């Protein structure tokens, strides 16, 4: 192969690798931001969700109110109870 073709192919491959690398980096950053938002939402809502659930509001009703899946709410409440049992105050 002539040198110019080889050089062009190598440049194209490097550019593709850089693009892939940048895409992966962007995806990781977006996922980290989603996780941060999720944790913040959980931190803000969990005390109210626990209190409402103790007062008899079902997780399905809480789902209708918040738009958060009832299984997620149930898991959050369960995790909080388990954490409280491990670290009683």
N, C-alpha and C. Protein backbone atom coordinates (compact mmCIF):
# COMPACT_ATOMS: atom_id res chain seq x y z
N UNK A 1 0.84 -1.19 0.00
CA UNK A 1 0.00 0.00 0.00
C UNK A 1 0.88 1.24 0.00
N UNK A 2 0.49 2.20 -0.75
CA UNK A 2 1.24 3.45 -0.73
C UNK A 2 1.16 4.09 0.67
N UNK A 3 2.20 4.80 0.99
CA UNK A 3 2.31 5.43 2.30
C UNK A 3 1.15 6.36 2.64
N UNK A 4 0.68 7.11 1.69
CA UNK A 4 -0.40 8.06 1.94
C UNK A 4 -1.68 7.34 2.35
N UNK A 5 -1.94 6.20 1.73
CA UNK A 5 -3.14 5.44 2.08
C UNK A 5 -3.02 4.89 3.50
N UNK A 6 -1.85 4.33 3.82
CA UNK A 6 -1.62 3.79 5.16
C UNK A 6 -1.76 4.90 6.20
N UNK A 7 -1.16 6.03 5.90
CA UNK A 7 -1.23 7.16 6.82
C UNK A 7 -2.68 7.63 7.00
N UNK A 8 -3.43 7.67 5.93
CA UNK A 8 -4.84 8.08 5.99
C UNK A 8 -5.65 7.09 6.81
N UNK A 9 -5.38 5.79 6.61
CA UNK A 9 -6.10 4.77 7.39
C UNK A 9 -5.77 4.87 8.88
N UNK A 10 -4.51 5.07 9.20
CA UNK A 10 -4.11 5.22 10.61
C UNK A 10 -4.77 6.45 11.24
N UNK A 11 -4.79 7.55 10.51
CA UNK A 11 -5.42 8.76 11.02
C UNK A 11 -6.92 8.54 11.24
N UNK A 12 -7.57 7.86 10.30
CA UNK A 12 -9.00 7.58 10.43
C UNK A 12 -9.26 6.70 11.64
N UNK A 13 -8.41 5.68 11.84
CA UNK A 13 -8.57 4.78 12.98
C UNK A 13 -8.38 5.54 14.29
N UNK A 14 -7.38 6.38 14.37
CA UNK A 14 -7.13 7.17 15.59
C UNK A 14 -8.28 8.12 15.88
N UNK A 15 -8.80 8.74 14.81
CA UNK A 15 -9.93 9.65 14.98
C UNK A 15 -11.13 8.88 15.50
N UNK A 16 -11.39 7.70 14.95
CA UNK A 16 -12.51 6.88 15.40
C UNK A 16 -12.33 6.50 16.86
N UNK A 17 -11.12 6.10 17.24
CA UNK A 17 -10.85 5.74 18.63
C UNK A 17 -11.09 6.94 19.56
N UNK A 18 -10.68 8.11 19.14
CA UNK A 18 -10.89 9.32 19.93
C UNK A 18 -12.38 9.61 20.08
N UNK A 19 -13.12 9.44 18.98
CA UNK A 19 -14.57 9.67 19.02
C UNK A 19 -15.25 8.67 19.95
N UNK A 20 -14.86 7.41 19.86
CA UNK A 20 -15.43 6.39 20.74
C UNK A 20 -15.09 6.70 22.20
N UNK A 21 -13.85 7.06 22.41
CA UNK A 21 -13.40 7.37 23.77
C UNK A 21 -14.20 8.55 24.33
N UNK A 22 -14.41 9.57 23.52
CA UNK A 22 -15.18 10.74 23.96
C UNK A 22 -16.64 10.37 24.22
N UNK A 23 -17.20 9.52 23.37
CA UNK A 23 -18.59 9.08 23.55
C UNK A 23 -18.74 8.30 24.85
N UNK A 24 -17.78 7.43 25.12
CA UNK A 24 -17.82 6.66 26.37
C UNK A 24 -17.70 7.59 27.57
N UNK A 25 -16.79 8.53 27.49
CA UNK A 25 -16.59 9.49 28.58
C UNK A 25 -17.87 10.30 28.83
N UNK A 26 -18.51 10.73 27.76
CA UNK A 26 -19.76 11.49 27.88
C UNK A 26 -20.86 10.64 28.50
N UNK A 27 -20.92 9.37 28.11
CA UNK A 27 -21.93 8.47 28.66
C UNK A 27 -21.72 8.26 30.15
N UNK A 28 -20.48 8.09 30.56
CA UNK A 28 -20.17 7.91 31.98
C UNK A 28 -20.55 9.16 32.77
N UNK A 29 -20.22 10.32 32.24
CA UNK A 29 -20.56 11.57 32.92
C UNK A 29 -22.07 11.74 33.04
N UNK A 30 -22.80 11.40 31.99
CA UNK A 30 -24.26 11.51 32.02
C UNK A 30 -24.83 10.55 33.06
N UNK A 31 -24.30 9.35 33.13
CA UNK A 31 -24.76 8.36 34.11
C UNK A 31 -24.48 8.84 35.53
N UNK A 32 -23.33 9.43 35.75
CA UNK A 32 -22.99 9.96 37.08
C UNK A 32 -23.95 11.09 37.47
N UNK A 33 -24.30 11.92 36.53
CA UNK A 33 -25.24 13.01 36.80
C UNK A 33 -26.62 12.46 37.11
N UNK A 34 -27.07 11.43 36.37
CA UNK A 34 -28.35 10.80 36.66
C UNK A 34 -28.35 10.20 38.06
N UNK A 35 -27.26 9.56 38.44
CA UNK A 35 -27.15 8.95 39.77
C UNK A 35 -27.20 10.02 40.86
N UNK A 36 -26.54 11.15 40.62
CA UNK A 36 -26.55 12.25 41.59
C UNK A 36 -27.97 12.77 41.77
N UNK A 37 -28.70 12.95 40.68
CA UNK A 37 -30.08 13.43 40.73
C UNK A 37 -30.96 12.43 41.46
N UNK A 38 -30.79 11.14 41.16
CA UNK A 38 -31.54 10.07 41.81
C UNK A 38 -31.32 10.09 43.32
N UNK A 39 -30.07 10.18 43.74
CA UNK A 39 -29.76 10.18 45.17
C UNK A 39 -30.32 11.42 45.87
N UNK A 40 -30.28 12.56 45.20
CA UNK A 40 -30.83 13.79 45.78
C UNK A 40 -32.35 13.68 45.94
N UNK A 41 -33.01 13.16 44.91
CA UNK A 41 -34.46 12.98 44.96
C UNK A 41 -34.83 12.04 46.12
N UNK A 42 -34.08 10.96 46.22
CA UNK A 42 -34.31 9.98 47.30
C UNK A 42 -34.11 10.64 48.66
N UNK A 43 -33.02 11.38 48.82
CA UNK A 43 -32.71 12.03 50.09
C UNK A 43 -33.83 13.00 50.51
N UNK A 44 -34.36 13.73 49.55
CA UNK A 44 -35.40 14.71 49.86
C UNK A 44 -36.74 14.06 50.18
N UNK A 45 -37.09 13.02 49.45
CA UNK A 45 -38.43 12.43 49.57
C UNK A 45 -38.56 11.33 50.61
N UNK A 46 -37.48 10.63 50.91
CA UNK A 46 -37.57 9.45 51.75
C UNK A 46 -38.23 9.70 53.11
N UNK A 47 -37.88 10.74 53.83
CA UNK A 47 -38.55 10.95 55.12
C UNK A 47 -40.08 11.09 54.99
N UNK A 48 -40.53 11.78 53.97
CA UNK A 48 -41.97 11.95 53.75
C UNK A 48 -42.61 10.63 53.32
N UNK A 49 -41.91 9.87 52.50
CA UNK A 49 -42.43 8.59 52.05
C UNK A 49 -42.58 7.62 53.22
N UNK A 50 -41.58 7.59 54.09
CA UNK A 50 -41.63 6.70 55.26
C UNK A 50 -42.78 7.11 56.16
N UNK A 51 -42.89 8.39 56.43
CA UNK A 51 -43.95 8.89 57.32
C UNK A 51 -45.33 8.60 56.73
N UNK A 52 -45.50 8.83 55.45
CA UNK A 52 -46.78 8.56 54.79
C UNK A 52 -47.11 7.08 54.83
N UNK A 53 -46.12 6.25 54.59
CA UNK A 53 -46.33 4.81 54.60
C UNK A 53 -46.70 4.33 56.00
N UNK A 54 -46.06 4.88 57.02
CA UNK A 54 -46.42 4.54 58.41
C UNK A 54 -47.85 4.95 58.73
N UNK A 55 -48.29 6.03 58.11
CA UNK A 55 -49.65 6.53 58.35
C UNK A 55 -50.69 5.77 57.54
N UNK A 56 -50.23 4.77 56.75
CA UNK A 56 -51.18 3.94 56.03
C UNK A 56 -51.32 4.20 54.55
N UNK A 57 -50.53 5.10 54.02
CA UNK A 57 -50.59 5.36 52.59
C UNK A 57 -49.78 4.26 51.90
N UNK A 58 -50.39 3.57 50.94
CA UNK A 58 -49.71 2.46 50.28
C UNK A 58 -48.63 2.96 49.33
N UNK A 59 -47.71 2.07 49.00
CA UNK A 59 -46.66 2.46 48.05
C UNK A 59 -47.25 2.74 46.67
N UNK A 60 -48.36 2.08 46.33
CA UNK A 60 -49.01 2.36 45.04
C UNK A 60 -49.63 3.77 45.04
N UNK A 61 -50.20 4.17 46.17
CA UNK A 61 -50.73 5.53 46.26
C UNK A 61 -49.58 6.55 46.18
N UNK A 62 -48.48 6.23 46.85
CA UNK A 62 -47.32 7.12 46.79
C UNK A 62 -46.76 7.19 45.37
N UNK A 63 -46.85 6.09 44.64
CA UNK A 63 -46.43 6.08 43.24
C UNK A 63 -47.28 7.06 42.43
N UNK A 64 -48.59 7.04 42.65
CA UNK A 64 -49.48 7.94 41.92
C UNK A 64 -49.19 9.39 42.24
N UNK A 65 -48.82 9.65 43.48
CA UNK A 65 -48.54 11.03 43.91
C UNK A 65 -47.21 11.52 43.36
N UNK A 66 -46.18 10.66 43.44
CA UNK A 66 -44.81 11.11 43.11
C UNK A 66 -44.36 10.78 41.70
N UNK A 67 -44.97 9.76 41.08
CA UNK A 67 -44.49 9.31 39.78
C UNK A 67 -43.31 8.36 39.89
N UNK A 68 -42.94 7.98 41.11
CA UNK A 68 -41.85 7.03 41.34
C UNK A 68 -42.48 5.65 41.48
N UNK A 69 -41.92 4.68 40.78
CA UNK A 69 -42.46 3.34 40.80
C UNK A 69 -42.62 2.82 42.24
N UNK A 70 -43.75 2.15 42.50
CA UNK A 70 -44.03 1.69 43.86
C UNK A 70 -43.00 0.69 44.37
N UNK A 71 -42.40 -0.09 43.46
CA UNK A 71 -41.36 -1.03 43.92
C UNK A 71 -40.10 -0.29 44.35
N UNK A 72 -39.82 0.81 43.70
CA UNK A 72 -38.68 1.63 44.10
C UNK A 72 -38.94 2.23 45.48
N UNK A 73 -40.14 2.75 45.68
CA UNK A 73 -40.49 3.33 46.98
C UNK A 73 -40.40 2.27 48.07
N UNK A 74 -40.94 1.08 47.80
CA UNK A 74 -40.89 -0.01 48.78
C UNK A 74 -39.45 -0.38 49.10
N UNK A 75 -38.60 -0.42 48.08
CA UNK A 75 -37.18 -0.75 48.30
C UNK A 75 -36.50 0.32 49.15
N UNK A 76 -36.77 1.60 48.85
CA UNK A 76 -36.19 2.69 49.63
C UNK A 76 -36.60 2.58 51.10
N UNK A 77 -37.88 2.33 51.34
CA UNK A 77 -38.38 2.23 52.71
C UNK A 77 -37.74 1.04 53.41
N UNK A 78 -37.65 -0.08 52.72
CA UNK A 78 -37.04 -1.28 53.30
C UNK A 78 -35.57 -1.03 53.64
N UNK A 79 -34.84 -0.41 52.73
CA UNK A 79 -33.43 -0.09 52.98
C UNK A 79 -33.28 0.83 54.18
N UNK A 80 -34.16 1.82 54.30
CA UNK A 80 -34.10 2.75 55.43
C UNK A 80 -34.37 2.03 56.75
N UNK A 81 -35.34 1.13 56.75
CA UNK A 81 -35.64 0.36 57.96
C UNK A 81 -34.46 -0.53 58.35
N UNK A 82 -33.87 -1.19 57.36
CA UNK A 82 -32.71 -2.04 57.63
C UNK A 82 -31.54 -1.23 58.16
N UNK A 83 -31.34 -0.08 57.57
CA UNK A 83 -30.25 0.80 58.03
C UNK A 83 -30.51 1.26 59.46
N UNK A 84 -31.77 1.56 59.77
CA UNK A 84 -32.13 2.00 61.12
C UNK A 84 -31.92 0.86 62.12
N UNK A 85 -32.22 -0.37 61.73
CA UNK A 85 -32.03 -1.51 62.62
C UNK A 85 -30.56 -1.79 62.88
N UNK A 86 -29.72 -1.52 61.89
CA UNK A 86 -28.28 -1.71 62.04
C UNK A 86 -27.67 -0.62 62.91
N UNK A 87 -28.15 0.60 62.72
CA UNK A 87 -27.63 1.78 63.45
C UNK A 87 -28.74 2.44 64.24
N UNK A 88 -29.25 1.82 65.31
CA UNK A 88 -30.33 2.47 66.06
C UNK A 88 -29.82 3.74 66.75
N UNK A 89 -30.66 4.77 66.75
CA UNK A 89 -30.26 6.05 67.37
C UNK A 89 -30.96 6.27 68.67
